[in-house]
Amino acid sequence: MKKNILVVENEVVIADDICLRLKKLDYQVLEPALTYRQALHSVNNELPDLVFIDLRLTGKKTGIDLARYILKNSNIPFVFITACSDSASMKEINQLKPLACLNKAFSTALLAKTMESAWI
């Protein structure tokens, strides 16, 4: 059975690119969530096996808020995807113990390796 992957990314072009690459790696990809509210709906109703979370989301809530919600309410692993690597953000990300934290310029090879490590 294919794993269901949720991509939470506020930039449609980036979300679509990540989804396309995951599909090429033969994963089942849910409809991407562009906002915190959409992500909550998908996490609670679609029950993804893994969530890719952008640090910055549209609106007041952030990817960190979403990761905290996931940690509190489920055991779904998550991977942060971000363009920012400032020390304060990285410290907060690391405290949440994501499966990985990928710079948005990640390669498909790194994506494949991250996906493989999710179920080892």
PDB file of N, CA and C in Angstrom:
ATOM      1  N   MET A   1       0.832  -1.181   0.000  1.00  0.00           N
ATOM      2  CA  MET A   1       0.000   0.000   0.000  1.00  0.00           C
ATOM      3  C   MET A   1       0.879   1.248   0.000  1.00  0.00           C
ATOM      4  N   LYS A   2       0.573   2.169  -0.882  1.00  0.00           N
ATOM      5  CA  LYS A   2       1.363   3.396  -0.971  1.00  0.00           C
ATOM      6  C   LYS A   2       1.125   4.276   0.243  1.00  0.00           C
ATOM      7  N   LYS A   3       2.169   4.982   0.637  1.00  0.00           N
ATOM      8  CA  LYS A   3       2.080   5.922   1.749  1.00  0.00           C
ATOM      9  C   LYS A   3       1.454   7.227   1.266  1.00  0.00           C
ATOM     10  N   ASN A   4       0.579   7.792   2.085  1.00  0.00           N
ATOM     11  CA  ASN A   4      -0.048   9.082   1.782  1.00  0.00           C
ATOM     12  C   ASN A   4       0.803  10.211   2.327  1.00  0.00           C
ATOM     13  N   ILE A   5       1.163  11.140   1.470  1.00  0.00           N
ATOM     14  CA  ILE A   5       2.028  12.250   1.847  1.00  0.00           C
ATOM     15  C   ILE A   5       1.251  13.555   1.703  1.00  0.00           C
ATOM     16  N   LEU A   6       1.374  14.406   2.716  1.00  0.00           N
ATOM     17  CA  LEU A   6       0.764  15.733   2.679  1.00  0.00           C
ATOM     18  C   LEU A   6       1.866  16.774   2.582  1.00  0.00           C
ATOM     19  N   VAL A   7       1.717  17.698   1.655  1.00  0.00           N
ATOM     20  CA  VAL A   7       2.639  18.821   1.514  1.00  0.00           C
ATOM     21  C   VAL A   7       1.901  20.078   1.960  1.00  0.00           C
ATOM     22  N   VAL A   8       2.486  20.774   2.942  1.00  0.00           N
ATOM     23  CA  VAL A   8       1.923  22.027   3.447  1.00  0.00           C
ATOM     24  C   VAL A   8       2.891  23.135   3.056  1.00  0.00           C
ATOM     25  N   GLU A   9       2.491  23.930   2.089  1.00  0.00           N
ATOM     26  CA  GLU A   9       3.372  24.946   1.494  1.00  0.00           C
ATOM     27  C   GLU A   9       2.503  26.076   0.967  1.00  0.00           C
ATOM     28  N   ASN A  10       2.799  27.309   1.375  1.00  0.00           N
ATOM     29  CA  ASN A  10       1.951  28.435   0.974  1.00  0.00           C
ATOM     30  C   ASN A  10       2.196  28.915  -0.456  1.00  0.00           C
ATOM     31  N   GLU A  11       3.261  28.492  -1.086  1.00  0.00           N
ATOM     32  CA  GLU A  11       3.536  28.877  -2.473  1.00  0.00           C
ATOM     33  C   GLU A  11       3.110  27.735  -3.395  1.00  0.00           C
ATOM     34  N   VAL A  12       2.092  27.991  -4.198  1.00  0.00           N
ATOM     35  CA  VAL A  12       1.492  26.957  -5.035  1.00  0.00           C
ATOM     36  C   VAL A  12       2.519  26.301  -5.954  1.00  0.00           C
ATOM     37  N   VAL A  13       3.374  27.084  -6.566  1.00  0.00           N
ATOM     38  CA  VAL A  13       4.362  26.542  -7.509  1.00  0.00           C
ATOM     39  C   VAL A  13       5.298  25.561  -6.800  1.00  0.00           C
ATOM     40  N   ILE A  14       5.741  25.909  -5.613  1.00  0.00           N
ATOM     41  CA  ILE A  14       6.638  25.029  -4.858  1.00  0.00           C
ATOM     42  C   ILE A  14       5.887  23.784  -4.397  1.00  0.00           C
ATOM     43  N   ALA A  15       4.669  23.958  -3.907  1.00  0.00           N
ATOM     44  CA  ALA A  15       3.860  22.810  -3.477  1.00  0.00           C
ATOM     45  C   ALA A  15       3.658  21.837  -4.639  1.00  0.00           C
ATOM     46  N   ASP A  16       3.308  22.368  -5.796  1.00  0.00           N
ATOM     47  CA  ASP A  16       3.094  21.519  -6.971  1.00  0.00           C
ATOM     48  C   ASP A  16       4.367  20.797  -7.385  1.00  0.00           C
ATOM     49  N   ASP A  17       5.508  21.473  -7.303  1.00  0.00           N
ATOM     50  CA  ASP A  17       6.785  20.859  -7.656  1.00  0.00           C
ATOM     51  C   ASP A  17       7.110  19.697  -6.716  1.00  0.00           C
ATOM     52  N   ILE A  18       6.945  19.913  -5.428  1.00  0.00           N
ATOM     53  CA  ILE A  18       7.231  18.853  -4.454  1.00  0.00           C
ATOM     54  C   ILE A  18       6.280  17.673  -4.671  1.00  0.00           C
ATOM     55  N   CYS A  19       5.009  17.966  -4.876  1.00  0.00           N
ATOM     56  CA  CYS A  19       4.023  16.904  -5.112  1.00  0.00           C
ATOM     57  C   CYS A  19       4.370  16.095  -6.360  1.00  0.00           C
ATOM     58  N   LEU A  20       4.747  16.775  -7.422  1.00  0.00           N
ATOM     59  CA  LEU A  20       5.116  16.091  -8.661  1.00  0.00           C
ATOM     60  C   LEU A  20       6.317  15.176  -8.443  1.00  0.00           C
ATOM     61  N   ARG A  21       7.324  15.678  -7.733  1.00  0.00           N
ATOM     62  CA  ARG A  21       8.510  14.851  -7.482  1.00  0.00           C
ATOM     63  C   ARG A  21       8.176  13.643  -6.611  1.00  0.00           C
ATOM     64  N   LEU A  22       7.307  13.818  -5.625  1.00  0.00           N
ATOM     65  CA  LEU A  22       6.890  12.689  -4.787  1.00  0.00           C
ATOM     66  C   LEU A  22       6.127  11.651  -5.607  1.00  0.00           C
ATOM     67  N   LYS A  23       5.273  12.109  -6.509  1.00  0.00           N
ATOM     68  CA  LYS A  23       4.535  11.186  -7.373  1.00  0.00           C
ATOM     69  C   LYS A  23       5.488  10.404  -8.269  1.00  0.00           C
ATOM     70  N   LYS A  24       6.523  11.080  -8.781  1.00  0.00           N
ATOM     71  CA  LYS A  24       7.514  10.394  -9.621  1.00  0.00           C
ATOM     72  C   LYS A  24       8.288   9.351  -8.827  1.00  0.00           C
ATOM     73  N   LEU A  25       8.381   9.550  -7.510  1.00  0.00           N
ATOM     74  CA  LEU A  25       9.025   8.568  -6.633  1.00  0.00           C
ATOM     75  C   LEU A  25       8.033   7.497  -6.185  1.00  0.00           C
ATOM     76  N   ASP A  26       6.833   7.517  -6.757  1.00  0.00           N
ATOM     77  CA  ASP A  26       5.785   6.525  -6.548  1.00  0.00           C
ATOM     78  C   ASP A  26       5.108   6.601  -5.174  1.00  0.00           C
ATOM     79  N   TYR A  27       4.947   7.815  -4.672  1.00  0.00           N
ATOM     80  CA  TYR A  27       4.182   8.013  -3.441  1.00  0.00           C
ATOM     81  C   TYR A  27       2.809   8.568  -3.786  1.00  0.00           C
ATOM     82  N   GLN A  28       1.846   8.244  -2.958  1.00  0.00           N
ATOM     83  CA  GLN A  28       0.498   8.807  -3.069  1.00  0.00           C
ATOM     84  C   GLN A  28       0.529  10.180  -2.413  1.00  0.00           C
ATOM     85  N   VAL A  29       0.152  11.211  -3.139  1.00  0.00           N
ATOM     86  CA  VAL A  29       0.232  12.575  -2.615  1.00  0.00           C
ATOM     87  C   VAL A  29      -1.179  13.147  -2.476  1.00  0.00           C
ATOM     88  N   LEU A  30      -1.466  13.623  -1.282  1.00  0.00           N
ATOM     89  CA  LEU A  30      -2.750  14.268  -1.023  1.00  0.00           C
ATOM     90  C   LEU A  30      -2.760  15.666  -1.634  1.00  0.00           C
ATOM     91  N   GLU A  31      -3.932  16.251  -1.740  1.00  0.00           N
ATOM     92  CA  GLU A  31      -4.047  17.631  -2.214  1.00  0.00           C
ATOM     93  C   GLU A  31      -3.221  18.528  -1.296  1.00  0.00           C
ATOM     94  N   PRO A  32      -2.311  19.347  -1.835  1.00  0.00           N
ATOM     95  CA  PRO A  32      -1.474  20.174  -0.959  1.00  0.00           C
ATOM     96  C   PRO A  32      -2.304  21.172  -0.150  1.00  0.00           C
ATOM     97  N   ALA A  33      -1.849  21.439   1.050  1.00  0.00           N
ATOM     98  CA  ALA A  33      -2.486  22.429   1.920  1.00  0.00           C
ATOM     99  C   ALA A  33      -1.678  23.716   1.831  1.00  0.00           C
ATOM    100  N   LEU A  34      -2.357  24.820   1.611  1.00  0.00           N
ATOM    101  CA  LEU A  34      -1.681  26.107   1.471  1.00  0.00           C
ATOM    102  C   LEU A  34      -1.744  26.937   2.749  1.00  0.00           C
ATOM    103  N   THR A  35      -2.634  26.554   3.661  1.00  0.00           N
ATOM    104  CA  THR A  35      -2.807  27.301   4.910  1.00  0.00           C
ATOM    105  C   THR A  35      -2.813  26.343   6.098  1.00  0.00           C
ATOM    106  N   TYR A  36      -2.665  26.900   7.275  1.00  0.00           N
ATOM    107  CA  TYR A  36      -2.727  26.125   8.513  1.00  0.00           C
ATOM    108  C   TYR A  36      -4.078  25.412   8.614  1.00  0.00           C
ATOM    109  N   ARG A  37      -5.153  26.123   8.337  1.00  0.00           N
ATOM    110  CA  ARG A  37      -6.501  25.538   8.439  1.00  0.00           C
ATOM    111  C   ARG A  37      -6.668  24.358   7.480  1.00  0.00           C
ATOM    112  N   GLN A  38      -6.206  24.511   6.237  1.00  0.00           N
ATOM    113  CA  GLN A  38      -6.283  23.402   5.282  1.00  0.00           C
ATOM    114  C   GLN A  38      -5.450  22.221   5.767  1.00  0.00           C
ATOM    115  N   ALA A  39      -4.284  22.519   6.331  1.00  0.00           N
ATOM    116  CA  ALA A  39      -3.409  21.460   6.832  1.00  0.00           C
ATOM    117  C   ALA A  39      -4.073  20.700   7.977  1.00  0.00           C
ATOM    118  N   LEU A  40      -4.698  21.420   8.911  1.00  0.00           N
ATOM    119  CA  LEU A  40      -5.402  20.760  10.018  1.00  0.00           C
ATOM    120  C   LEU A  40      -6.488  19.833   9.491  1.00  0.00           C
ATOM    121  N   HIS A  41      -7.233  20.310   8.512  1.00  0.00           N
ATOM    122  CA  HIS A  41      -8.287  19.481   7.920  1.00  0.00           C
ATOM    123  C   HIS A  41      -7.691  18.188   7.348  1.00  0.00           C
ATOM    124  N   SER A  42      -6.610  18.307   6.602  1.00  0.00           N
ATOM    125  CA  SER A  42      -5.985  17.128   5.990  1.00  0.00           C
ATOM    126  C   SER A  42      -5.394  16.191   7.036  1.00  0.00           C
ATOM    127  N   VAL A  43      -4.717  16.746   8.029  1.00  0.00           N
ATOM    128  CA  VAL A  43      -4.118  15.919   9.085  1.00  0.00           C
ATOM    129  C   VAL A  43      -5.209  15.139   9.823  1.00  0.00           C
ATOM    130  N   ASN A  44      -6.312  15.790  10.121  1.00  0.00           N
ATOM    131  CA  ASN A  44      -7.383  15.158  10.899  1.00  0.00           C
ATOM    132  C   ASN A  44      -8.293  14.242  10.087  1.00  0.00           C
ATOM    133  N   ASN A  45      -8.439  14.508   8.797  1.00  0.00           N
ATOM    134  CA  ASN A  45      -9.394  13.745   7.989  1.00  0.00           C
ATOM    135  C   ASN A  45      -8.761  12.821   6.958  1.00  0.00           C
ATOM    136  N   GLU A  46      -7.620  13.190   6.428  1.00  0.00           N
ATOM    137  CA  GLU A  46      -6.956  12.378   5.406  1.00  0.00           C
ATOM    138  C   GLU A  46      -5.945  11.406   6.016  1.00  0.00           C
ATOM    139  N   LEU A  47      -5.523  11.686   7.240  1.00  0.00           N
ATOM    140  CA  LEU A  47      -4.571  10.852   7.978  1.00  0.00           C
ATOM    141  C   LEU A  47      -3.315  10.513   7.162  1.00  0.00           C
ATOM    142  N   PRO A  48      -2.528  11.517   6.825  1.00  0.00           N
ATOM    143  CA  PRO A  48      -1.306  11.257   6.049  1.00  0.00           C
ATOM    144  C   PRO A  48      -0.305  10.426   6.853  1.00  0.00           C
ATOM    145  N   ASP A  49       0.568   9.741   6.126  1.00  0.00           N
ATOM    146  CA  ASP A  49       1.628   8.960   6.762  1.00  0.00           C
ATOM    147  C   ASP A  49       2.856   9.814   7.042  1.00  0.00           C
ATOM    148  N   LEU A  50       2.975  10.935   6.348  1.00  0.00           N
ATOM    149  CA  LEU A  50       4.101  11.853   6.499  1.00  0.00           C
ATOM    150  C   LEU A  50       3.647  13.230   6.019  1.00  0.00           C
ATOM    151  N   VAL A  51       4.131  14.274   6.694  1.00  0.00           N
ATOM    152  CA  VAL A  51       3.770  15.640   6.315  1.00  0.00           C
ATOM    153  C   VAL A  51       5.034  16.449   6.062  1.00  0.00           C
ATOM    154  N   PHE A  52       5.095  17.107   4.915  1.00  0.00           N
ATOM    155  CA  PHE A  52       6.133  18.089   4.627  1.00  0.00           C
ATOM    156  C   PHE A  52       5.556  19.441   5.007  1.00  0.00           C
ATOM    157  N   ILE A  53       6.262  20.191   5.856  1.00  0.00           N
ATOM    158  CA  ILE A  53       5.734  21.446   6.386  1.00  0.00           C
ATOM    159  C   ILE A  53       6.677  22.602   6.079  1.00  0.00           C
ATOM    160  N   ASP A  54       6.160  23.593   5.372  1.00  0.00           N
ATOM    161  CA  ASP A  54       6.903  24.838   5.173  1.00  0.00           C
ATOM    162  C   ASP A  54       6.870  25.613   6.484  1.00  0.00           C
ATOM    163  N   LEU A  55       7.952  26.258   6.810  1.00  0.00           N
ATOM    164  CA  LEU A  55       8.023  27.037   8.042  1.00  0.00           C
ATOM    165  C   LEU A  55       7.048  28.206   8.010  1.00  0.00           C
ATOM    166  N   ARG A  56       6.954  28.869   6.877  1.00  0.00           N
ATOM    167  CA  ARG A  56       6.084  30.040   6.752  1.00  0.00           C
ATOM    168  C   ARG A  56       4.804  29.652   6.012  1.00  0.00           C
ATOM    169  N   LEU A  57       3.681  29.979   6.625  1.00  0.00           N
ATOM    170  CA  LEU A  57       2.384  29.712   6.014  1.00  0.00           C
ATOM    171  C   LEU A  57       1.616  31.018   5.887  1.00  0.00           C
ATOM    172  N   THR A  58       0.606  31.029   5.050  1.00  0.00           N
ATOM    173  CA  THR A  58      -0.240  32.206   4.915  1.00  0.00           C
ATOM    174  C   THR A  58      -1.071  32.362   6.184  1.00  0.00           C
ATOM    175  N   GLY A  59      -1.139  33.577   6.713  1.00  0.00           N
ATOM    176  CA  GLY A  59      -1.906  33.830   7.931  1.00  0.00           C
ATOM    177  C   GLY A  59      -1.013  33.919   9.154  1.00  0.00           C
ATOM    178  N   LYS A  60      -1.651  33.907  10.322  1.00  0.00           N
ATOM    179  CA  LYS A  60      -0.913  34.086  11.574  1.00  0.00           C
ATOM    180  C   LYS A  60      -0.179  32.834  12.028  1.00  0.00           C
ATOM    181  N   LYS A  61      -0.722  31.674  11.734  1.00  0.00           N
ATOM    182  CA  LYS A  61      -0.119  30.414  12.175  1.00  0.00           C
ATOM    183  C   LYS A  61       1.047  30.045  11.265  1.00  0.00           C
ATOM    184  N   THR A  62       2.035  29.380  11.845  1.00  0.00           N
ATOM    185  CA  THR A  62       3.237  28.981  11.111  1.00  0.00           C
ATOM    186  C   THR A  62       3.335  27.465  11.010  1.00  0.00           C
ATOM    187  N   GLY A  63       4.328  27.022  10.272  1.00  0.00           N
ATOM    188  CA  GLY A  63       4.606  25.600  10.204  1.00  0.00           C
ATOM    189  C   GLY A  63       4.984  25.033  11.562  1.00  0.00           C
ATOM    190  N   ILE A  64       5.616  25.840  12.385  1.00  0.00           N
ATOM    191  CA  ILE A  64       5.966  25.400  13.740  1.00  0.00           C
ATOM    192  C   ILE A  64       4.695  25.148  14.546  1.00  0.00           C
ATOM    193  N   ASP A  65       3.702  26.012  14.392  1.00  0.00           N
ATOM    194  CA  ASP A  65       2.410  25.781  15.059  1.00  0.00           C
ATOM    195  C   ASP A  65       1.793  24.459  14.604  1.00  0.00           C
ATOM    196  N   LEU A  66       1.873  24.186  13.313  1.00  0.00           N
ATOM    197  CA  LEU A  66       1.325  22.940  12.785  1.00  0.00           C
ATOM    198  C   LEU A  66       2.085  21.737  13.338  1.00  0.00           C
ATOM    199  N   ALA A  67       3.404  21.819  13.374  1.00  0.00           N
ATOM    200  CA  ALA A  67       4.198  20.713  13.912  1.00  0.00           C
ATOM    201  C   ALA A  67       3.838  20.451  15.374  1.00  0.00           C
ATOM    202  N   ARG A  68       3.656  21.499  16.142  1.00  0.00           N
ATOM    203  CA  ARG A  68       3.249  21.331  17.549  1.00  0.00           C
ATOM    204  C   ARG A  68       1.892  20.631  17.643  1.00  0.00           C
ATOM    205  N   TYR A  69       0.969  21.016  16.781  1.00  0.00           N
ATOM    206  CA  TYR A  69      -0.345  20.374  16.766  1.00  0.00           C
ATOM    207  C   TYR A  69      -0.194  18.882  16.446  1.00  0.00           C
ATOM    208  N   ILE A  70       0.597  18.568  15.438  1.00  0.00           N
ATOM    209  CA  ILE A  70       0.799  17.172  15.046  1.00  0.00           C
ATOM    210  C   ILE A  70       1.407  16.385  16.200  1.00  0.00           C
ATOM    211  N   LEU A  71       2.422  16.938  16.844  1.00  0.00           N
ATOM    212  CA  LEU A  71       3.060  16.249  17.968  1.00  0.00           C
ATOM    213  C   LEU A  71       2.085  15.995  19.112  1.00  0.00           C
ATOM    214  N   LYS A  72       1.223  16.942  19.363  1.00  0.00           N
ATOM    215  CA  LYS A  72       0.272  16.832  20.475  1.00  0.00           C
ATOM    216  C   LYS A  72      -0.873  15.866  20.167  1.00  0.00           C
ATOM    217  N   ASN A  73      -1.268  15.772  18.911  1.00  0.00           N
ATOM    218  CA  ASN A  73      -2.498  15.059  18.567  1.00  0.00           C
ATOM    219  C   ASN A  73      -2.337  13.804  17.711  1.00  0.00           C
ATOM    220  N   SER A  74      -1.125  13.485  17.320  1.00  0.00           N
ATOM    221  CA  SER A  74      -0.929  12.295  16.483  1.00  0.00           C
ATOM    222  C   SER A  74       0.519  11.827  16.608  1.00  0.00           C
ATOM    223  N   ASN A  75       0.835  10.787  15.889  1.00  0.00           N
ATOM    224  CA  ASN A  75       2.231  10.345  15.816  1.00  0.00           C
ATOM    225  C   ASN A  75       2.717  10.369  14.368  1.00  0.00           C
ATOM    226  N   ILE A  76       2.189  11.295  13.591  1.00  0.00           N
ATOM    227  CA  ILE A  76       2.574  11.437  12.186  1.00  0.00           C
ATOM    228  C   ILE A  76       3.948  12.099  12.114  1.00  0.00           C
ATOM    229  N   PRO A  77       4.912  11.465  11.440  1.00  0.00           N
ATOM    230  CA  PRO A  77       6.215  12.117  11.273  1.00  0.00           C
ATOM    231  C   PRO A  77       6.103  13.292  10.304  1.00  0.00           C
ATOM    232  N   PHE A  78       6.999  14.251  10.468  1.00  0.00           N
ATOM    233  CA  PHE A  78       6.978  15.422   9.595  1.00  0.00           C
ATOM    234  C   PHE A  78       8.391  15.857   9.248  1.00  0.00           C
ATOM    235  N   VAL A  79       8.485  16.525   8.112  1.00  0.00           N
ATOM    236  CA  VAL A  79       9.736  17.067   7.593  1.00  0.00           C
ATOM    237  C   VAL A  79       9.506  18.552   7.352  1.00  0.00           C
ATOM    238  N   PHE A  80      10.405  19.383   7.867  1.00  0.00           N
ATOM    239  CA  PHE A  80      10.301  20.811   7.579  1.00  0.00           C
ATOM    240  C   PHE A  80      10.969  21.108   6.245  1.00  0.00           C
ATOM    241  N   ILE A  81      10.357  21.987   5.467  1.00  0.00           N
ATOM    242  CA  ILE A  81      10.969  22.528   4.258  1.00  0.00           C
ATOM    243  C   ILE A  81      10.977  24.039   4.436  1.00  0.00           C
ATOM    244  N   THR A  82      12.141  24.633   4.268  1.00  0.00           N
ATOM    245  CA  THR A  82      12.234  26.062   4.547  1.00  0.00           C
ATOM    246  C   THR A  82      13.321  26.731   3.729  1.00  0.00           C
ATOM    247  N   ALA A  83      13.138  28.004   3.516  1.00  0.00           N
ATOM    248  CA  ALA A  83      14.161  28.817   2.864  1.00  0.00           C
ATOM    249  C   ALA A  83      14.954  29.578   3.910  1.00  0.00           C
ATOM    250  N   CYS A  84      14.461  29.590   5.158  1.00  0.00           N
ATOM    251  CA  CYS A  84      15.208  30.334   6.168  1.00  0.00           C
ATOM    252  C   CYS A  84      15.989  29.399   7.061  1.00  0.00           C
ATOM    253  N   SER A  85      17.184  29.827   7.354  1.00  0.00           N
ATOM    254  CA  SER A  85      18.049  28.990   8.184  1.00  0.00           C
ATOM    255  C   SER A  85      18.681  29.803   9.306  1.00  0.00           C
ATOM    256  N   ASP A  86      17.969  30.846   9.763  1.00  0.00           N
ATOM    257  CA  ASP A  86      18.516  31.635  10.869  1.00  0.00           C
ATOM    258  C   ASP A  86      18.548  30.770  12.130  1.00  0.00           C
ATOM    259  N   SER A  87      19.446  31.097  13.039  1.00  0.00           N
ATOM    260  CA  SER A  87      19.682  30.240  14.200  1.00  0.00           C
ATOM    261  C   SER A  87      18.458  30.113  15.100  1.00  0.00           C
ATOM    262  N   ALA A  88      17.676  31.175  15.255  1.00  0.00           N
ATOM    263  CA  ALA A  88      16.484  31.100  16.113  1.00  0.00           C
ATOM    264  C   ALA A  88      15.467  30.116  15.535  1.00  0.00           C
ATOM    265  N   SER A  89      15.238  30.200  14.226  1.00  0.00           N
ATOM    266  CA  SER A  89      14.292  29.276  13.586  1.00  0.00           C
ATOM    267  C   SER A  89      14.798  27.844  13.666  1.00  0.00           C
ATOM    268  N   MET A  90      16.073  27.648  13.391  1.00  0.00           N
ATOM    269  CA  MET A  90      16.634  26.300  13.418  1.00  0.00           C
ATOM    270  C   MET A  90      16.576  25.699  14.819  1.00  0.00           C
ATOM    271  N   LYS A  91      16.805  26.511  15.833  1.00  0.00           N
ATOM    272  CA  LYS A  91      16.729  26.017  17.213  1.00  0.00           C
ATOM    273  C   LYS A  91      15.310  25.540  17.517  1.00  0.00           C
ATOM    274  N   GLU A  92      14.333  26.342  17.126  1.00  0.00           N
ATOM    275  CA  GLU A  92      12.935  25.975  17.366  1.00  0.00           C
ATOM    276  C   GLU A  92      12.553  24.723  16.580  1.00  0.00           C
ATOM    277  N   ILE A  93      12.997  24.641  15.340  1.00  0.00           N
ATOM    278  CA  ILE A  93      12.732  23.464  14.515  1.00  0.00           C
ATOM    279  C   ILE A  93      13.333  22.221  15.153  1.00  0.00           C
ATOM    280  N   ASN A  94      14.587  22.296  15.560  1.00  0.00           N
ATOM    281  CA  ASN A  94      15.263  21.136  16.137  1.00  0.00           C
ATOM    282  C   ASN A  94      14.604  20.652  17.420  1.00  0.00           C
ATOM    283  N   GLN A  95      14.036  21.565  18.204  1.00  0.00           N
ATOM    284  CA  GLN A  95      13.346  21.173  19.437  1.00  0.00           C
ATOM    285  C   GLN A  95      12.113  20.317  19.147  1.00  0.00           C
ATOM    286  N   LEU A  96      11.545  20.468  17.970  1.00  0.00           N
ATOM    287  CA  LEU A  96      10.356  19.702  17.593  1.00  0.00           C
ATOM    288  C   LEU A  96      10.699  18.316  17.049  1.00  0.00           C
ATOM    289  N   LYS A  97      11.968  18.052  16.853  1.00  0.00           N
ATOM    290  CA  LYS A  97      12.471  16.758  16.393  1.00  0.00           C
ATOM    291  C   LYS A  97      11.803  16.252  15.102  1.00  0.00           C
ATOM    292  N   PRO A  98      11.918  17.052  14.032  1.00  0.00           N
ATOM    293  CA  PRO A  98      11.374  16.579  12.754  1.00  0.00           C
ATOM    294  C   PRO A  98      12.208  15.422  12.220  1.00  0.00           C
ATOM    295  N   LEU A  99      11.635  14.675  11.319  1.00  0.00           N
ATOM    296  CA  LEU A  99      12.371  13.602  10.661  1.00  0.00           C
ATOM    297  C   LEU A  99      13.570  14.184   9.921  1.00  0.00           C
ATOM    298  N   ALA A 100      13.373  15.369   9.336  1.00  0.00           N
ATOM    299  CA  ALA A 100      14.442  16.073   8.621  1.00  0.00           C
ATOM    300  C   ALA A 100      14.035  17.532   8.458  1.00  0.00           C
ATOM    301  N   CYS A 101      15.001  18.338   8.073  1.00  0.00           N
ATOM    302  CA  CYS A 101      14.744  19.733   7.732  1.00  0.00           C
ATOM    303  C   CYS A 101      15.485  20.000   6.425  1.00  0.00           C
ATOM    304  N   LEU A 102      14.727  20.237   5.371  1.00  0.00           N
ATOM    305  CA  LEU A 102      15.306  20.410   4.040  1.00  0.00           C
ATOM    306  C   LEU A 102      15.220  21.858   3.594  1.00  0.00           C
ATOM    307  N   ASN A 103      16.319  22.339   3.016  1.00  0.00           N
ATOM    308  CA  ASN A 103      16.298  23.645   2.373  1.00  0.00           C
ATOM    309  C   ASN A 103      15.427  23.521   1.133  1.00  0.00           C
ATOM    310  N   LYS A 104      14.668  24.548   0.797  1.00  0.00           N
ATOM    311  CA  LYS A 104      13.740  24.462  -0.335  1.00  0.00           C
ATOM    312  C   LYS A 104      14.419  24.117  -1.657  1.00  0.00           C
ATOM    313  N   ALA A 105      15.692  24.293  -1.747  1.00  0.00           N
ATOM    314  CA  ALA A 105      16.401  23.965  -2.987  1.00  0.00           C
ATOM    315  C   ALA A 105      16.866  22.505  -3.002  1.00  0.00           C
ATOM    316  N   PHE A 106      16.187  21.624  -2.277  1.00  0.00           N
ATOM    317  CA  PHE A 106      16.634  20.234  -2.183  1.00  0.00           C
ATOM    318  C   PHE A 106      16.465  19.493  -3.507  1.00  0.00           C
ATOM    319  N   SER A 107      17.336  18.517  -3.692  1.00  0.00           N
ATOM    320  CA  SER A 107      17.318  17.715  -4.917  1.00  0.00           C
ATOM    321  C   SER A 107      16.311  16.570  -4.785  1.00  0.00           C
ATOM    322  N   THR A 108      15.958  15.997  -5.911  1.00  0.00           N
ATOM    323  CA  THR A 108      15.070  14.835  -5.893  1.00  0.00           C
ATOM    324  C   THR A 108      15.764  13.660  -5.218  1.00  0.00           C
ATOM    325  N   ALA A 109      17.078  13.555  -5.377  1.00  0.00           N
ATOM    326  CA  ALA A 109      17.825  12.478  -4.716  1.00  0.00           C
ATOM    327  C   ALA A 109      17.734  12.609  -3.195  1.00  0.00           C
ATOM    328  N   LEU A 110      17.865  13.824  -2.684  1.00  0.00           N
ATOM    329  CA  LEU A 110      17.742  14.039  -1.239  1.00  0.00           C
ATOM    330  C   LEU A 110      16.309  13.769  -0.784  1.00  0.00           C
ATOM    331  N   LEU A 111      15.347  14.134  -1.596  1.00  0.00           N
ATOM    332  CA  LEU A 111      13.949  13.849  -1.282  1.00  0.00           C
ATOM    333  C   LEU A 111      13.731  12.338  -1.181  1.00  0.00           C
ATOM    334  N   ALA A 112      14.262  11.595  -2.129  1.00  0.00           N
ATOM    335  CA  ALA A 112      14.129  10.134  -2.115  1.00  0.00           C
ATOM    336  C   ALA A 112      14.779   9.534  -0.872  1.00  0.00           C
ATOM    337  N   LYS A 113      15.953  10.023  -0.523  1.00  0.00           N
ATOM    338  CA  LYS A 113      16.658   9.522   0.666  1.00  0.00           C
ATOM    339  C   LYS A 113      15.861   9.827   1.935  1.00  0.00           C
ATOM    340  N   THR A 114      15.293  11.012   2.008  1.00  0.00           N
ATOM    341  CA  THR A 114      14.475  11.393   3.162  1.00  0.00           C
ATOM    342  C   THR A 114      13.255  10.488   3.265  1.00  0.00           C
ATOM    343  N   MET A 115      12.625  10.214   2.147  1.00  0.00           N
ATOM    344  CA  MET A 115      11.448   9.348   2.144  1.00  0.00           C
ATOM    345  C   MET A 115      11.810   7.934   2.581  1.00  0.00           C
ATOM    346  N   GLU A 116      12.925   7.428   2.120  1.00  0.00           N
ATOM    347  CA  GLU A 116      13.355   6.085   2.516  1.00  0.00           C
ATOM    348  C   GLU A 116      13.601   6.015   4.016  1.00  0.00           C
ATOM    349  N   SER A 117      14.207   7.051   4.569  1.00  0.00           N
ATOM    350  CA  SER A 117      14.527   7.044   6.000  1.00  0.00           C
ATOM    351  C   SER A 117      13.278   7.155   6.869  1.00  0.00           C
ATOM    352  N   ALA A 118      12.176   7.601   6.304  1.00  0.00           N
ATOM    353  CA  ALA A 118      10.939   7.752   7.079  1.00  0.00           C
ATOM    354  C   ALA A 118      10.383   6.410   7.539  1.00  0.00           C
ATOM    355  N   TRP A 119      10.689   5.351   6.820  1.00  0.00           N
ATOM    356  CA  TRP A 119      10.105   4.051   7.162  1.00  0.00           C
ATOM    357  C   TRP A 119      11.144   2.971   7.413  1.00  0.00           C
ATOM    358  N   ILE A 120      12.319   3.367   7.835  1.00  0.00           N
ATOM    359  CA  ILE A 120      13.361   2.381   8.177  1.00  0.00           C
ATOM    360  C   ILE A 120      13.165   1.947   9.605  1.00  0.00           C
TER     361      ILE A 120
END
